[in-house]
Amino acid sequence: MDFNNSLFMMPLMTGVIFIIAGYIALKFPPKKINSLYGYRTSSSMKNQERWDFAQVYSSILMIYCGLGLTLLSVFGLLFKLSEGQGVLIGTIMIIIATLVVLYKTEKAIKQKFKND
């Protein structure tokens, strides 16, 4: 097993970062709408109620996506790929995890706040 390959290290390290960042954001969410910290999109920043919902929802999703990335890093140990292929697949995994957090959070905001 080669632990020093991109398909193993990229999702593993990013997954751990997602888990830690999600946990911190869940335990210490920003209290007020701001432009520095938290889940910040135009829909989440429309009012305080949306903001509070988006912080909790996106933090939980970030933890789940981090766990998913960490588990998917096992593929880097199972498959022998070139460095370039490993970087490409690892990058795609990270982009997908990020887009899942964004898409699902925005969808949940729209569903919860239909009348806003």
C-alpha atoms as a PDB file:
ATOM      1  CA  MET A   1       0.000   0.000   0.000  1.00  0.00           C
ATOM      2  CA  ASP A   2       1.291   3.371  -1.042  1.00  0.00           C
ATOM      3  CA  PHE A   3       0.205   6.015   1.472  1.00  0.00           C
ATOM      4  CA  ASN A   4       2.066   8.714  -0.429  1.00  0.00           C
ATOM      5  CA  ASN A   5      -0.235   9.221  -3.404  1.00  0.00           C
ATOM      6  CA  SER A   6      -2.588  12.024  -4.326  1.00  0.00           C
ATOM      7  CA  LEU A   7      -5.752   9.947  -4.569  1.00  0.00           C
ATOM      8  CA  PHE A   8      -5.248   8.930  -0.939  1.00  0.00           C
ATOM      9  CA  MET A   9      -3.844  12.136   0.573  1.00  0.00           C
ATOM     10  CA  MET A  10      -6.004  14.801  -1.101  1.00  0.00           C
ATOM     11  CA  PRO A  11      -9.445  13.482  -0.069  1.00  0.00           C
ATOM     12  CA  LEU A  12      -8.124  12.366   3.325  1.00  0.00           C
ATOM     13  CA  MET A  13      -6.642  15.729   4.268  1.00  0.00           C
ATOM     14  CA  THR A  14      -9.520  17.724   2.796  1.00  0.00           C
ATOM     15  CA  GLY A  15     -12.022  15.430   4.499  1.00  0.00           C
ATOM     16  CA  VAL A  16     -10.376  16.015   7.871  1.00  0.00           C
ATOM     17  CA  ILE A  17     -10.398  19.780   7.222  1.00  0.00           C
ATOM     18  CA  PHE A  18     -14.110  19.625   6.302  1.00  0.00           C
ATOM     19  CA  ILE A  19     -14.871  17.698   9.506  1.00  0.00           C
ATOM     20  CA  ILE A  20     -12.931  20.117  11.717  1.00  0.00           C
ATOM     21  CA  ALA A  21     -14.309  23.234  10.000  1.00  0.00           C
ATOM     22  CA  GLY A  22     -17.858  21.859  10.115  1.00  0.00           C
ATOM     23  CA  TYR A  23     -17.529  21.017  13.796  1.00  0.00           C
ATOM     24  CA  ILE A  24     -16.130  24.449  14.674  1.00  0.00           C
ATOM     25  CA  ALA A  25     -18.851  26.197  12.654  1.00  0.00           C
ATOM     26  CA  LEU A  26     -21.523  24.035  14.308  1.00  0.00           C
ATOM     27  CA  LYS A  27     -20.277  24.637  17.850  1.00  0.00           C
ATOM     28  CA  PHE A  28     -19.370  28.311  17.362  1.00  0.00           C
ATOM     29  CA  PRO A  29     -21.676  29.646  14.635  1.00  0.00           C
ATOM     30  CA  PRO A  30     -21.532  33.340  13.789  1.00  0.00           C
ATOM     31  CA  LYS A  31     -24.278  35.074  15.724  1.00  0.00           C
ATOM     32  CA  LYS A  32     -24.944  37.879  13.269  1.00  0.00           C
ATOM     33  CA  ILE A  33     -24.815  38.160   9.492  1.00  0.00           C
ATOM     34  CA  ASN A  34     -21.283  39.126   8.513  1.00  0.00           C
ATOM     35  CA  SER A  35     -18.968  39.070   5.524  1.00  0.00           C
ATOM     36  CA  LEU A  36     -16.082  37.227   7.182  1.00  0.00           C
ATOM     37  CA  TYR A  37     -17.188  33.959   8.769  1.00  0.00           C
ATOM     38  CA  GLY A  38     -19.873  31.367   8.117  1.00  0.00           C
ATOM     39  CA  TYR A  39     -21.921  30.045   5.225  1.00  0.00           C
ATOM     40  CA  ARG A  40     -22.250  33.218   3.158  1.00  0.00           C
ATOM     41  CA  THR A  41     -24.427  33.321   0.062  1.00  0.00           C
ATOM     42  CA  SER A  42     -26.913  35.938  -1.033  1.00  0.00           C
ATOM     43  CA  SER A  43     -29.829  33.717  -0.010  1.00  0.00           C
ATOM     44  CA  SER A  44     -28.388  32.907   3.419  1.00  0.00           C
ATOM     45  CA  MET A  45     -27.682  36.575   4.136  1.00  0.00           C
ATOM     46  CA  LYS A  46     -31.197  37.885   3.371  1.00  0.00           C
ATOM     47  CA  ASN A  47     -32.261  37.854   7.009  1.00  0.00           C
ATOM     48  CA  GLN A  48     -31.185  36.554  10.410  1.00  0.00           C
ATOM     49  CA  GLU A  49     -33.514  33.545  10.384  1.00  0.00           C
ATOM     50  CA  ARG A  50     -32.093  32.297   7.064  1.00  0.00           C
ATOM     51  CA  TRP A  51     -28.579  32.988   8.302  1.00  0.00           C
ATOM     52  CA  ASP A  52     -29.039  30.941  11.483  1.00  0.00           C
ATOM     53  CA  PHE A  53     -30.599  28.037   9.582  1.00  0.00           C
ATOM     54  CA  ALA A  54     -27.856  28.013   6.916  1.00  0.00           C
ATOM     55  CA  GLN A  55     -25.064  27.965   9.503  1.00  0.00           C
ATOM     56  CA  VAL A  56     -26.348  24.828  11.212  1.00  0.00           C
ATOM     57  CA  TYR A  57     -27.442  23.035   8.031  1.00  0.00           C
ATOM     58  CA  SER A  58     -24.218  23.665   6.091  1.00  0.00           C
ATOM     59  CA  SER A  59     -22.035  22.744   9.080  1.00  0.00           C
ATOM     60  CA  ILE A  60     -23.715  19.361   9.419  1.00  0.00           C
ATOM     61  CA  LEU A  61     -23.408  18.757   5.671  1.00  0.00           C
ATOM     62  CA  MET A  62     -19.750  19.735   5.789  1.00  0.00           C
ATOM     63  CA  ILE A  63     -19.099  17.140   8.476  1.00  0.00           C
ATOM     64  CA  TYR A  64     -20.890  14.448   6.447  1.00  0.00           C
ATOM     65  CA  CYS A  65     -19.047  15.376   3.244  1.00  0.00           C
ATOM     66  CA  GLY A  66     -15.780  15.353   5.187  1.00  0.00           C
ATOM     67  CA  LEU A  67     -16.525  11.850   6.416  1.00  0.00           C
ATOM     68  CA  GLY A  68     -17.379  10.832   2.849  1.00  0.00           C
ATOM     69  CA  LEU A  69     -14.124  12.235   1.486  1.00  0.00           C
ATOM     70  CA  THR A  70     -12.170  10.515   4.240  1.00  0.00           C
ATOM     71  CA  LEU A  71     -13.793   7.186   3.408  1.00  0.00           C
ATOM     72  CA  LEU A  72     -13.287   7.689  -0.333  1.00  0.00           C
ATOM     73  CA  SER A  73      -9.563   8.215   0.247  1.00  0.00           C
ATOM     74  CA  VAL A  74      -9.331   4.425   0.675  1.00  0.00           C
ATOM     75  CA  PHE A  75      -9.605   4.171  -3.118  1.00  0.00           C
ATOM     76  CA  GLY A  76      -6.140   5.714  -3.252  1.00  0.00           C
ATOM     77  CA  LEU A  77      -4.823   2.661  -1.444  1.00  0.00           C
ATOM     78  CA  LEU A  78      -6.686   0.180  -3.619  1.00  0.00           C
ATOM     79  CA  PHE A  79      -5.932   1.524  -7.093  1.00  0.00           C
ATOM     80  CA  LYS A  80      -2.556   2.211  -8.643  1.00  0.00           C
ATOM     81  CA  LEU A  81      -2.860   5.397 -10.715  1.00  0.00           C
ATOM     82  CA  SER A  82      -0.387   7.873 -12.080  1.00  0.00           C
ATOM     83  CA  GLU A  83       0.216  11.032 -10.064  1.00  0.00           C
ATOM     84  CA  GLY A  84      -1.698  13.113 -12.609  1.00  0.00           C
ATOM     85  CA  GLN A  85      -4.699  10.789 -12.541  1.00  0.00           C
ATOM     86  CA  GLY A  86      -4.682  10.782  -8.741  1.00  0.00           C
ATOM     87  CA  VAL A  87      -4.607  14.579  -8.594  1.00  0.00           C
ATOM     88  CA  LEU A  88      -7.415  14.848 -11.148  1.00  0.00           C
ATOM     89  CA  ILE A  89      -9.695  12.347  -9.406  1.00  0.00           C
ATOM     90  CA  GLY A  90      -8.892  13.772  -5.960  1.00  0.00           C
ATOM     91  CA  THR A  91      -9.671  17.286  -7.169  1.00  0.00           C
ATOM     92  CA  ILE A  92     -12.959  16.132  -8.698  1.00  0.00           C
ATOM     93  CA  MET A  93     -13.918  14.463  -5.399  1.00  0.00           C
ATOM     94  CA  ILE A  94     -13.220  17.676  -3.473  1.00  0.00           C
ATOM     95  CA  ILE A  95     -15.148  19.826  -5.949  1.00  0.00           C
ATOM     96  CA  ILE A  96     -18.133  17.465  -5.798  1.00  0.00           C
ATOM     97  CA  ALA A  97     -18.124  17.501  -1.976  1.00  0.00           C
ATOM     98  CA  THR A  98     -18.044  21.310  -1.987  1.00  0.00           C
ATOM     99  CA  LEU A  99     -20.848  21.525  -4.541  1.00  0.00           C
ATOM    100  CA  VAL A 100     -22.958  19.071  -2.526  1.00  0.00           C
ATOM    101  CA  VAL A 101     -22.717  21.358   0.521  1.00  0.00           C
ATOM    102  CA  LEU A 102     -23.635  24.417  -1.560  1.00  0.00           C
ATOM    103  CA  TYR A 103     -26.446  22.806  -3.560  1.00  0.00           C
ATOM    104  CA  LYS A 104     -28.126  21.010  -0.666  1.00  0.00           C
ATOM    105  CA  THR A 105     -27.911  24.030   1.641  1.00  0.00           C
ATOM    106  CA  GLU A 106     -29.350  26.384  -0.983  1.00  0.00           C
ATOM    107  CA  LYS A 107     -32.115  23.891  -1.756  1.00  0.00           C
ATOM    108  CA  ALA A 108     -32.948  23.562   1.951  1.00  0.00           C
ATOM    109  CA  ILE A 109     -33.043  27.359   2.352  1.00  0.00           C
ATOM    110  CA  LYS A 110     -35.436  27.668  -0.592  1.00  0.00           C
ATOM    111  CA  GLN A 111     -37.688  24.922   0.767  1.00  0.00           C
ATOM    112  CA  LYS A 112     -37.764  26.238   4.327  1.00  0.00           C
ATOM    113  CA  PHE A 113     -38.233  29.897   3.371  1.00  0.00           C
ATOM    114  CA  LYS A 114     -40.594  29.641   0.396  1.00  0.00           C
ATOM    115  CA  ASN A 115     -42.524  32.757   1.372  1.00  0.00           C
ATOM    116  CA  ASP A 116     -39.531  35.087   1.837  1.00  0.00           C
END
